[in-house]
Amino acid sequence: MSALGAYVPDRVVTNADFVARMDTTDEWIFSRTGIRERRYAAEDEATSDLAVRAAQAILDDAGVAAADLDAVIVPTCTPDYLFPSVAALTADRIGARRAAAFDLQAACSGFVYTLAQAASMIESGWADNVLVVGAEKFSNLVNPDDRSTSILFGDGAAGALVTAGDPGSTNGFLGFDLGADGSLGCELLIPVGGTRHPAAKAFEPQDAYLQMNGREVFKFATRAMEETTSRLLDALDMSIGDVDLLVAHQANQRIIDHAVGRLGVDPSKVFNNVEKYGNTSAASIPLALTEARDQGVLAPGMRVLLVGFGAGLTWASTIVSYEP
């Protein structure tokens, strides 16, 4: 993971904006989510527009030309279109016209899923440089009248350049744990827009927006984050004390705190920025990583645990020995 970069839109939406139009308070929102503000993209901005800005930031950080990319992968669940992919649109606009390009849909787990894909492509010898950009525009897909979901999500894009390391290097990805439980898929979904219920058929307006069983998702998230981390540590013959920094999916501060407590992680080793950006889904982990680096919290040589959960329902974790 040789470079990082991020882009967030200019528009800041605070809790006060929700208080002004629905029955809620700043204290109610913050006490339940840990969120004070989030970013919204402009009406004429799509997910690929955010991805392009983040992609360029990553390439600038790496000093790598887009023409040298072997693949561009975009984990997202809020694409511009059903097809073409956000990755194809992004690759074209940054000038990566010889690269393979595709999206990966694992929702909020998507960044770690895609890191595993990128690492496998490099380990196979097929690729040397894979650009991974998590990008989401949720502001169009949350019901503005639903207090339980509209307060949670924001827009943004962030990612990493995954490159081939030196032979014999002990840096890089130490291991992955990925999984899904599709029996819980309907606990977090957007009902309309796919082949199960095409948008051309009549539907209730609320069914075009994200719907979530918050209680079930909370229970799943805290359990899954603990279990995936424990499996990964066991597979690597490591303990949680061997981890220098934990960056979890920034869904909700209560979920993060609960998982951190169950894992026994020293809170000083946990980096969070959900208060500023809300839940940016597949962009949340790389956005936090980039900010941790910029603030001097993430330093070369650190062993960093990345862990997330998302719609599907999915889970994912990895430990990377960070050496840009």
Protein backbone atom coordinates (compact mmCIF):
# COMPACT_ATOMS: atom_id res chain seq x y z
CA MET A 1 0.00 0.00 0.00
CA SER A 2 2.45 2.58 -1.31
CA ALA A 3 0.28 5.72 -1.50
CA LEU A 4 -2.95 7.14 -0.12
CA GLY A 5 -5.31 9.93 -1.13
CA ALA A 6 -8.80 11.26 -0.58
CA TYR A 7 -11.39 13.76 -1.74
CA VAL A 8 -14.43 15.08 0.11
CA PRO A 9 -16.96 17.57 -1.30
CA ASP A 10 -17.02 21.15 -0.05
CA ARG A 11 -20.58 21.19 1.28
CA VAL A 12 -20.73 20.53 5.02
CA VAL A 13 -24.06 19.27 6.40
CA THR A 14 -24.22 19.65 10.17
CA ASN A 15 -26.60 18.17 12.71
CA ALA A 16 -28.18 21.61 12.91
CA ASP A 17 -29.35 21.18 9.31
CA PHE A 18 -31.34 18.10 10.36
CA VAL A 19 -32.65 19.79 13.50
CA ALA A 20 -34.06 22.57 11.31
CA ARG A 21 -36.27 20.20 9.31
CA MET A 22 -37.10 17.16 11.46
CA ASP A 23 -37.88 16.19 15.03
CA THR A 24 -34.38 15.67 16.38
CA THR A 25 -31.58 17.40 18.29
CA ASP A 26 -27.82 17.63 17.96
CA GLU A 27 -27.50 15.77 21.27
CA TRP A 28 -29.79 12.95 20.08
CA ILE A 29 -27.82 12.48 16.86
CA PHE A 30 -24.36 12.72 18.42
CA SER A 31 -25.11 10.50 21.40
CA ARG A 32 -26.34 7.70 19.12
CA THR A 33 -23.87 8.03 16.25
CA GLY A 34 -20.87 10.14 17.23
CA ILE A 35 -21.49 12.22 14.09
CA ARG A 36 -21.57 16.02 14.05
CA GLU A 37 -21.24 16.68 10.32
CA ARG A 38 -20.92 15.01 6.95
CA ARG A 39 -20.11 16.11 3.38
CA TYR A 40 -22.58 16.17 0.48
CA ALA A 41 -21.62 16.28 -3.17
CA ALA A 42 -23.27 18.78 -5.51
CA GLU A 43 -26.40 17.72 -7.37
CA ASP A 44 -24.47 17.51 -10.65
CA GLU A 45 -21.64 15.44 -9.12
CA ALA A 46 -21.75 11.66 -9.46
CA THR A 47 -19.71 8.97 -7.76
CA SER A 48 -17.17 8.86 -10.59
CA ASP A 49 -16.52 12.59 -10.18
CA LEU A 50 -15.51 11.97 -6.57
CA ALA A 51 -13.45 8.93 -7.56
CA VAL A 52 -11.49 10.88 -10.17
CA ARG A 53 -10.49 13.53 -7.61
CA ALA A 54 -9.34 10.89 -5.11
CA ALA A 55 -7.55 8.87 -7.79
CA GLN A 56 -5.53 11.88 -8.86
CA ALA A 57 -4.59 12.60 -5.24
CA ILE A 58 -3.34 9.01 -4.84
CA LEU A 59 -1.30 9.15 -8.06
CA ASP A 60 0.19 12.49 -7.04
CA ASP A 61 1.17 11.02 -3.68
CA ALA A 62 2.76 8.01 -5.37
CA GLY A 63 4.46 9.88 -8.19
CA VAL A 64 3.06 7.28 -10.57
CA ALA A 65 1.55 8.02 -13.97
CA ALA A 66 -1.94 6.73 -14.75
CA ALA A 67 -0.52 5.08 -17.87
CA ASP A 68 1.50 2.77 -15.59
CA LEU A 69 -1.56 1.34 -13.83
CA ASP A 70 -2.43 -2.28 -14.55
CA ALA A 71 -5.88 -2.09 -12.97
CA VAL A 72 -8.34 0.37 -11.48
CA ILE A 73 -10.84 -1.12 -9.03
CA VAL A 74 -13.60 0.90 -7.39
CA PRO A 75 -15.44 -0.57 -4.42
CA THR A 76 -18.82 1.18 -4.42
CA CYS A 77 -22.51 0.54 -3.88
CA THR A 78 -23.61 3.92 -5.28
CA PRO A 79 -22.50 3.77 -8.93
CA ASP A 80 -23.28 6.41 -11.54
CA TYR A 81 -25.12 3.75 -13.57
CA LEU A 82 -25.80 0.01 -13.39
CA PHE A 83 -23.20 -0.03 -16.17
CA PRO A 84 -20.65 1.11 -17.24
CA SER A 85 -18.66 0.76 -14.05
CA VAL A 86 -17.41 3.68 -12.02
CA ALA A 87 -13.93 2.21 -12.45
CA ALA A 88 -14.12 2.32 -16.24
CA LEU A 89 -15.29 5.94 -16.19
CA THR A 90 -12.59 6.85 -13.68
CA ALA A 91 -9.80 5.07 -15.54
CA ASP A 92 -10.68 6.89 -18.75
CA ARG A 93 -10.74 10.32 -17.13
CA ILE A 94 -7.39 9.92 -15.34
CA GLY A 95 -5.72 8.52 -18.46
CA ALA A 96 -5.37 4.86 -17.41
CA ARG A 97 -6.59 3.61 -20.77
CA ARG A 98 -4.62 0.36 -20.81
CA ALA A 99 -5.73 -0.71 -17.35
CA ALA A 100 -8.33 -3.30 -16.45
CA ALA A 101 -11.23 -1.57 -14.72
CA PHE A 102 -14.13 -2.91 -12.69
CA ASP A 103 -16.26 -2.18 -9.62
CA LEU A 104 -16.51 -4.40 -6.55
CA GLN A 105 -19.74 -4.42 -4.54
CA ALA A 106 -19.30 -5.37 -0.91
CA ALA A 107 -20.72 -2.10 0.46
CA CYS A 108 -18.87 -0.82 3.52
CA SER A 109 -16.53 -3.85 3.54
CA GLY A 110 -15.61 -3.08 -0.05
CA PHE A 111 -12.27 -1.37 0.49
CA VAL A 112 -10.75 -4.33 2.35
CA TYR A 113 -12.31 -6.79 -0.11
CA THR A 114 -10.71 -4.83 -2.93
CA LEU A 115 -7.32 -4.70 -1.23
CA ALA A 116 -7.46 -8.51 -1.14
CA GLN A 117 -8.29 -8.56 -4.86
CA ALA A 118 -5.46 -6.15 -5.66
CA ALA A 119 -2.95 -8.09 -3.56
CA SER A 120 -3.93 -11.34 -5.29
CA MET A 121 -3.51 -9.78 -8.73
CA ILE A 122 -0.02 -8.63 -7.78
CA GLU A 123 0.99 -11.88 -6.09
CA SER A 124 -0.05 -13.80 -9.20
CA GLY A 125 2.41 -11.78 -11.27
CA TRP A 126 -0.34 -10.30 -13.42
CA ALA A 127 -0.06 -6.74 -12.09
CA ASP A 128 2.47 -4.38 -10.55
CA ASN A 129 0.29 -1.33 -9.85
CA VAL A 130 -3.37 -1.52 -8.85
CA LEU A 131 -5.33 1.61 -7.97
CA VAL A 132 -8.10 1.07 -5.41
CA VAL A 133 -10.58 3.93 -4.91
CA GLY A 134 -13.56 3.59 -2.59
CA ALA A 135 -16.15 6.12 -3.74
CA GLU A 136 -19.72 6.76 -2.61
CA LYS A 137 -22.50 9.31 -3.07
CA PHE A 138 -25.11 8.34 -0.51
CA SER A 139 -26.78 11.74 -0.27
CA ASN A 140 -29.01 10.79 -3.23
CA LEU A 141 -29.94 7.42 -1.76
CA VAL A 142 -31.02 8.17 1.81
CA ASN A 143 -34.58 9.21 2.55
CA PRO A 144 -34.37 12.84 3.74
CA ASP A 145 -37.43 12.24 5.93
CA ASP A 146 -36.05 9.14 7.67
CA ARG A 147 -34.37 10.25 10.88
CA SER A 148 -32.81 6.84 11.47
CA THR A 149 -30.76 6.75 8.24
CA SER A 150 -30.47 10.25 6.76
CA ILE A 151 -28.27 11.44 9.64
CA LEU A 152 -25.70 8.67 9.15
CA PHE A 153 -24.32 8.95 5.64
CA GLY A 154 -22.01 11.27 3.77
CA ASP A 155 -20.26 11.44 0.40
CA GLY A 156 -16.58 11.03 -0.37
CA ALA A 157 -13.84 9.04 -2.06
CA ALA A 158 -10.48 7.73 -0.91
CA GLY A 159 -8.12 4.91 -1.64
CA ALA A 160 -4.66 3.50 -2.08
CA LEU A 161 -2.15 2.43 -4.68
CA VAL A 162 -1.21 -1.22 -4.17
CA THR A 163 2.16 -2.06 -5.68
CA ALA A 164 4.53 -5.01 -5.94
CA GLY A 165 7.05 -4.96 -3.10
CA ASP A 166 10.66 -6.02 -3.09
CA PRO A 167 11.21 -9.80 -3.15
CA GLY A 168 11.47 -11.15 0.38
CA SER A 169 10.05 -7.99 1.96
CA THR A 170 8.14 -8.47 5.21
CA ASN A 171 6.10 -5.33 4.59
CA GLY A 172 2.69 -5.25 2.96
CA PHE A 173 -0.44 -7.27 3.63
CA LEU A 174 0.10 -9.94 6.25
CA GLY A 175 -3.26 -11.63 5.74
CA PHE A 176 -6.98 -11.22 5.09
CA ASP A 177 -10.25 -12.53 6.50
CA LEU A 178 -13.35 -12.01 4.33
CA GLY A 179 -16.88 -13.35 4.50
CA ALA A 180 -20.61 -12.81 4.13
CA ASP A 181 -23.96 -13.96 5.51
CA GLY A 182 -26.54 -13.49 2.77
CA SER A 183 -29.36 -14.66 5.03
CA LEU A 184 -29.19 -11.18 6.57
CA GLY A 185 -29.10 -9.36 3.24
CA CYS A 186 -32.53 -7.79 3.61
CA GLU A 187 -31.56 -6.09 6.88
CA LEU A 188 -29.74 -3.40 4.86
CA LEU A 189 -30.76 -2.74 1.27
CA ILE A 190 -32.26 -0.47 -1.36
CA PRO A 191 -35.30 -2.42 -2.62
CA VAL A 192 -35.81 -0.72 -5.99
CA GLY A 193 -33.52 -0.40 -8.98
CA GLY A 194 -32.27 -3.92 -9.67
CA THR A 195 -33.85 -6.89 -11.43
CA ARG A 196 -35.88 -7.93 -8.35
CA HIS A 197 -37.85 -4.69 -8.59
CA PRO A 198 -36.87 -2.63 -11.65
CA ALA A 199 -37.27 1.12 -11.42
CA ALA A 200 -39.64 0.99 -14.40
CA LYS A 201 -42.25 -0.84 -12.27
CA ALA A 202 -44.51 1.01 -9.84
CA PHE A 203 -43.08 1.34 -6.35
CA GLU A 204 -43.55 3.22 -3.10
CA PRO A 205 -41.25 6.28 -2.95
CA GLN A 206 -39.53 5.14 0.24
CA ASP A 207 -38.44 1.91 -1.48
CA ALA A 208 -36.05 3.85 -3.72
CA TYR A 209 -34.01 4.75 -0.63
CA LEU A 210 -31.74 2.85 1.72
CA GLN A 211 -33.60 0.82 4.33
CA MET A 212 -31.93 -0.57 7.44
CA ASN A 213 -32.88 -2.62 10.45
CA GLY A 214 -30.60 -0.70 12.78
CA ARG A 215 -30.89 -3.06 15.75
CA GLU A 216 -29.96 -6.15 13.72
CA VAL A 217 -27.15 -4.37 11.88
CA PHE A 218 -25.68 -3.17 15.19
CA LYS A 219 -25.72 -6.70 16.62
CA PHE A 220 -24.15 -8.13 13.47
CA ALA A 221 -21.52 -5.41 13.18
CA THR A 222 -20.15 -5.68 16.69
CA ARG A 223 -20.05 -9.47 16.54
CA ALA A 224 -18.59 -9.66 13.03
CA MET A 225 -15.85 -7.12 13.67
CA GLU A 226 -14.71 -9.03 16.75
CA GLU A 227 -14.88 -12.43 15.08
CA THR A 228 -13.13 -11.49 11.82
CA THR A 229 -10.32 -9.80 13.76
CA SER A 230 -9.89 -12.79 16.07
CA ARG A 231 -9.71 -15.23 13.14
CA LEU A 232 -7.16 -13.05 11.37
CA LEU A 233 -4.97 -12.69 14.44
CA ASP A 234 -5.10 -16.45 15.08
CA ALA A 235 -4.16 -17.21 11.46
CA LEU A 236 -1.18 -14.87 11.70
CA ASP A 237 -0.16 -16.08 15.19
CA MET A 238 -0.50 -12.52 16.46
CA SER A 239 -2.27 -10.89 19.39
CA ILE A 240 -4.20 -7.63 19.45
CA GLY A 241 -1.24 -6.14 21.32
CA ASP A 242 0.89 -6.59 18.18
CA VAL A 243 -1.30 -4.07 16.33
CA ASP A 244 -0.03 -0.48 16.34
CA LEU A 245 -3.11 1.19 14.85
CA LEU A 246 -6.73 0.14 14.28
CA VAL A 247 -8.84 1.80 11.61
CA ALA A 248 -12.39 0.47 11.53
CA HIS A 249 -15.19 1.21 9.11
CA GLN A 250 -16.52 4.58 10.25
CA ALA A 251 -20.18 3.63 10.47
CA ASN A 252 -21.14 4.81 13.92
CA GLN A 253 -19.02 5.66 16.96
CA ARG A 254 -21.09 3.40 19.23
CA ILE A 255 -20.41 0.41 16.98
CA ILE A 256 -16.69 1.17 16.86
CA ASP A 257 -16.46 1.67 20.63
CA HIS A 258 -18.36 -1.55 21.30
CA ALA A 259 -16.13 -3.58 18.97
CA VAL A 260 -12.95 -2.00 20.34
CA GLY A 261 -14.06 -2.87 23.87
CA ARG A 262 -14.79 -6.48 22.97
CA LEU A 263 -11.40 -6.83 21.27
CA GLY A 264 -9.54 -5.25 24.18
CA VAL A 265 -7.82 -2.66 22.01
CA ASP A 266 -6.06 0.24 23.69
CA PRO A 267 -8.25 3.25 22.68
CA SER A 268 -5.09 5.28 22.03
CA LYS A 269 -4.38 2.94 19.11
CA VAL A 270 -7.73 3.63 17.40
CA PHE A 271 -8.18 6.36 14.79
CA ASN A 272 -11.68 7.72 14.11
CA ASN A 273 -13.06 10.55 12.00
CA VAL A 274 -16.74 9.58 11.81
CA GLU A 275 -17.56 12.79 13.71
CA LYS A 276 -16.50 14.86 10.67
CA TYR A 277 -17.63 12.73 7.72
CA GLY A 278 -20.31 10.30 8.85
CA ASN A 279 -20.55 6.91 7.16
CA THR A 280 -18.97 7.09 3.70
CA SER A 281 -19.25 3.34 3.16
CA ALA A 282 -16.40 1.97 1.01
CA ALA A 283 -14.57 5.30 1.29
CA SER A 284 -14.56 5.39 5.09
CA ILE A 285 -11.50 3.27 5.89
CA PRO A 286 -9.18 4.84 3.29
CA LEU A 287 -10.47 8.31 4.19
CA ALA A 288 -9.55 7.66 7.82
CA LEU A 289 -6.19 6.16 6.80
CA THR A 290 -5.34 9.20 4.70
CA GLU A 291 -6.27 11.57 7.49
CA ALA A 292 -4.31 9.52 10.03
CA ARG A 293 -1.24 9.78 7.81
CA ASP A 294 -1.71 13.51 7.29
CA GLN A 295 -1.98 14.04 11.05
CA GLY A 296 1.15 11.99 11.75
CA VAL A 297 -0.80 9.23 13.49
CA LEU A 298 -0.02 6.65 10.78
CA ALA A 299 3.72 6.19 10.41
CA PRO A 300 5.98 3.87 8.40
CA GLY A 301 6.63 0.53 10.06
CA MET A 302 3.28 0.37 11.81
CA ARG A 303 1.18 -2.76 11.76
CA VAL A 304 -2.29 -1.48 10.92
CA LEU A 305 -5.52 -3.43 11.39
CA LEU A 306 -8.30 -2.52 8.98
CA VAL A 307 -11.71 -3.99 9.77
CA GLY A 308 -15.20 -3.41 8.44
CA PHE A 309 -18.69 -4.72 7.87
CA GLY A 310 -21.39 -3.84 5.39
CA ALA A 311 -24.47 -4.71 3.40
CA GLY A 312 -24.65 -8.28 2.26
CA LEU A 313 -24.13 -8.64 5.15
CA THR A 314 -20.35 -8.75 4.78
CA TRP A 315 -17.24 -8.50 6.91
CA ALA A 316 -13.56 -8.04 6.16
CA SER A 317 -10.26 -7.50 7.94
CA THR A 318 -6.60 -7.24 7.06
CA ILE A 319 -3.35 -6.34 8.76
CA VAL A 320 -0.84 -4.38 6.74
CA SER A 321 2.73 -3.57 7.64
CA TYR A 322 2.69 0.00 6.38
CA GLU A 323 5.75 1.08 4.43
CA PRO A 324 4.93 3.64 1.73
